[in-house]
């Protein structure tokens, strides 16, 4: 018989508000590969560091690269961009990586199911103090044509 302690715990909720996109993605990718289930909320509030022009040119070029038919297909919405950033840090073509990506949920805002749950802090992904304010994923995706 399985006891209550053997039952898998619920997913870990991570609030992406103010977290640096790449650093948060690397921490989350590592946890996913270790078998943890993770739900990311407020993906649109994650930030991308660097000059505004550099960040915007990176995302517009990535979106324009390739063709509609053959790809590469780069997402436009913040939850999809966050998910793709994590995917880039996971061996997503192998079984281990595919299973890890199945354990990841990314949401814009906070869904009703996770409304009262406090997010786990990811201190390694906090931005360092800088003279220029980082740009949020919501701003980037508005430029790409998303309605967020």
Protein backbone atom coordinates (compact mmCIF):
# COMPACT_ATOMS: atom_id res chain seq x y z
CA UNK A 1 0.00 0.00 0.00
CA UNK A 2 1.13 3.48 -0.81
CA UNK A 3 1.09 5.99 1.96
CA UNK A 4 0.27 9.67 1.67
CA UNK A 5 3.96 10.54 1.80
CA UNK A 6 4.62 8.44 -1.33
CA UNK A 7 2.08 10.39 -3.39
CA UNK A 8 3.66 12.93 -5.74
CA UNK A 9 3.38 16.46 -4.46
CA UNK A 10 1.69 19.12 -6.54
CA UNK A 11 3.68 21.11 -9.06
CA UNK A 12 6.06 23.83 -7.96
CA UNK A 13 4.67 27.27 -8.80
CA UNK A 14 7.21 29.87 -9.93
CA UNK A 15 6.20 33.51 -10.29
CA UNK A 16 8.22 35.00 -13.16
CA UNK A 17 7.53 38.60 -12.16
CA UNK A 18 10.81 40.50 -12.40
CA UNK A 19 12.95 37.42 -13.12
CA UNK A 20 15.55 37.51 -15.89
CA UNK A 21 14.26 35.25 -18.66
CA UNK A 22 17.45 33.31 -19.41
CA UNK A 23 18.49 32.79 -15.80
CA UNK A 24 15.01 31.66 -14.76
CA UNK A 25 14.86 29.31 -17.76
CA UNK A 26 18.17 27.67 -16.85
CA UNK A 27 17.12 27.09 -13.23
CA UNK A 28 13.74 25.72 -14.34
CA UNK A 29 15.33 23.49 -17.00
CA UNK A 30 17.62 21.95 -14.41
CA UNK A 31 14.69 21.27 -12.06
CA UNK A 32 12.64 19.75 -14.89
CA UNK A 33 15.47 17.39 -15.79
CA UNK A 34 15.57 16.31 -12.14
CA UNK A 35 11.93 15.20 -12.40
CA UNK A 36 10.16 18.17 -10.86
CA UNK A 37 6.85 19.49 -12.25
CA UNK A 38 6.83 23.27 -12.60
CA UNK A 39 4.11 25.82 -13.30
CA UNK A 40 5.29 29.30 -14.31
CA UNK A 41 2.81 32.14 -13.79
CA UNK A 42 3.06 35.78 -14.94
CA UNK A 43 5.38 34.89 -17.83
CA UNK A 44 4.69 38.27 -19.45
CA UNK A 45 6.34 40.00 -16.47
CA UNK A 46 9.72 38.28 -16.95
CA UNK A 47 12.43 40.69 -18.07
CA UNK A 48 15.12 40.57 -20.72
CA UNK A 49 18.31 42.49 -19.94
CA UNK A 50 20.34 44.47 -22.44
CA UNK A 51 19.72 47.63 -24.38
CA UNK A 52 16.21 48.08 -25.67
CA UNK A 53 17.37 48.21 -29.30
CA UNK A 54 19.44 45.02 -28.97
CA UNK A 55 16.61 43.05 -27.34
CA UNK A 56 13.98 44.19 -29.83
CA UNK A 57 16.22 43.50 -32.84
CA UNK A 58 17.01 39.99 -31.54
CA UNK A 59 13.34 39.05 -31.24
CA UNK A 60 12.24 40.66 -34.50
CA UNK A 61 15.06 38.94 -36.41
CA UNK A 62 14.29 35.60 -34.78
CA UNK A 63 10.64 35.97 -35.71
CA UNK A 64 11.46 36.92 -39.33
CA UNK A 65 14.03 34.15 -39.85
CA UNK A 66 13.15 31.19 -42.07
CA UNK A 67 9.87 30.63 -43.84
CA UNK A 68 6.29 30.06 -42.78
CA UNK A 69 6.28 26.56 -44.24
CA UNK A 70 9.62 25.14 -43.13
CA UNK A 71 10.51 27.22 -40.07
CA UNK A 72 12.19 27.80 -37.71
CA UNK A 73 8.95 28.87 -36.08
CA UNK A 74 9.54 31.45 -33.35
CA UNK A 75 6.64 32.25 -30.99
CA UNK A 76 4.98 35.62 -30.59
CA UNK A 77 3.29 35.34 -27.17
CA UNK A 78 5.19 35.62 -23.84
CA UNK A 79 4.20 32.21 -22.46
CA UNK A 80 5.40 30.53 -25.65
CA UNK A 81 8.65 32.53 -25.71
CA UNK A 82 9.30 31.50 -22.09
CA UNK A 83 8.57 27.87 -22.93
CA UNK A 84 10.86 27.96 -25.98
CA UNK A 85 13.66 29.52 -23.92
CA UNK A 86 13.42 26.63 -21.45
CA UNK A 87 13.27 24.16 -24.36
CA UNK A 88 16.58 25.53 -25.62
CA UNK A 89 18.21 24.45 -22.36
CA UNK A 90 16.77 20.92 -22.37
CA UNK A 91 17.67 18.04 -24.73
CA UNK A 92 14.15 18.32 -26.20
CA UNK A 93 14.73 15.84 -29.03
CA UNK A 94 15.55 13.02 -26.60
CA UNK A 95 13.06 11.11 -24.46
CA UNK A 96 14.40 12.61 -21.24
CA UNK A 97 13.94 16.14 -22.57
CA UNK A 98 10.48 15.45 -24.00
CA UNK A 99 9.32 14.12 -20.64
CA UNK A 100 10.83 17.14 -18.90
CA UNK A 101 8.99 19.55 -21.21
CA UNK A 102 5.71 17.73 -20.51
CA UNK A 103 6.16 18.62 -16.83
CA UNK A 104 6.31 22.37 -17.63
CA UNK A 105 3.28 24.67 -17.72
CA UNK A 106 3.66 28.36 -18.54
CA UNK A 107 0.81 30.85 -18.12
CA UNK A 108 0.15 34.49 -18.88
CA UNK A 109 -1.14 35.94 -15.63
CA UNK A 110 -2.26 33.67 -12.79
CA UNK A 111 -4.91 31.03 -13.58
CA UNK A 112 -7.70 30.47 -11.07
CA UNK A 113 -6.26 27.07 -10.09
CA UNK A 114 -3.06 28.72 -8.80
CA UNK A 115 -4.59 31.94 -7.45
CA UNK A 116 -3.89 31.47 -3.74
CA UNK A 117 -0.58 29.63 -4.04
CA UNK A 118 2.57 31.59 -3.27
CA UNK A 119 5.28 31.24 -5.89
CA UNK A 120 8.65 29.71 -5.03
CA UNK A 121 11.38 32.38 -5.19
CA UNK A 122 14.19 31.85 -7.70
CA UNK A 123 16.89 34.08 -6.26
CA UNK A 124 19.46 33.11 -8.92
CA UNK A 125 17.23 34.72 -11.57
CA UNK A 126 16.84 38.13 -9.92
CA UNK A 127 18.24 40.98 -12.05
CA UNK A 128 21.32 42.82 -10.87
CA UNK A 129 21.01 46.55 -10.27
CA UNK A 130 21.51 48.40 -13.55
CA UNK A 131 21.32 51.95 -14.82
CA UNK A 132 18.78 51.10 -17.52
CA UNK A 133 15.54 49.35 -16.77
CA UNK A 134 15.16 45.91 -18.36
CA UNK A 135 12.43 45.34 -20.94
CA UNK A 136 9.56 42.98 -20.08
CA UNK A 137 8.38 40.14 -22.28
CA UNK A 138 4.99 41.89 -22.55
CA UNK A 139 6.67 44.87 -24.24
CA UNK A 140 8.63 42.63 -26.60
CA UNK A 141 5.56 40.63 -27.59
CA UNK A 142 3.49 43.76 -28.22
CA UNK A 143 6.13 44.76 -30.74
CA UNK A 144 5.91 41.31 -32.35
CA UNK A 145 2.15 41.75 -32.76
CA UNK A 146 0.74 39.87 -29.78
CA UNK A 147 -2.28 41.27 -27.95
CA UNK A 148 -1.22 40.88 -24.32
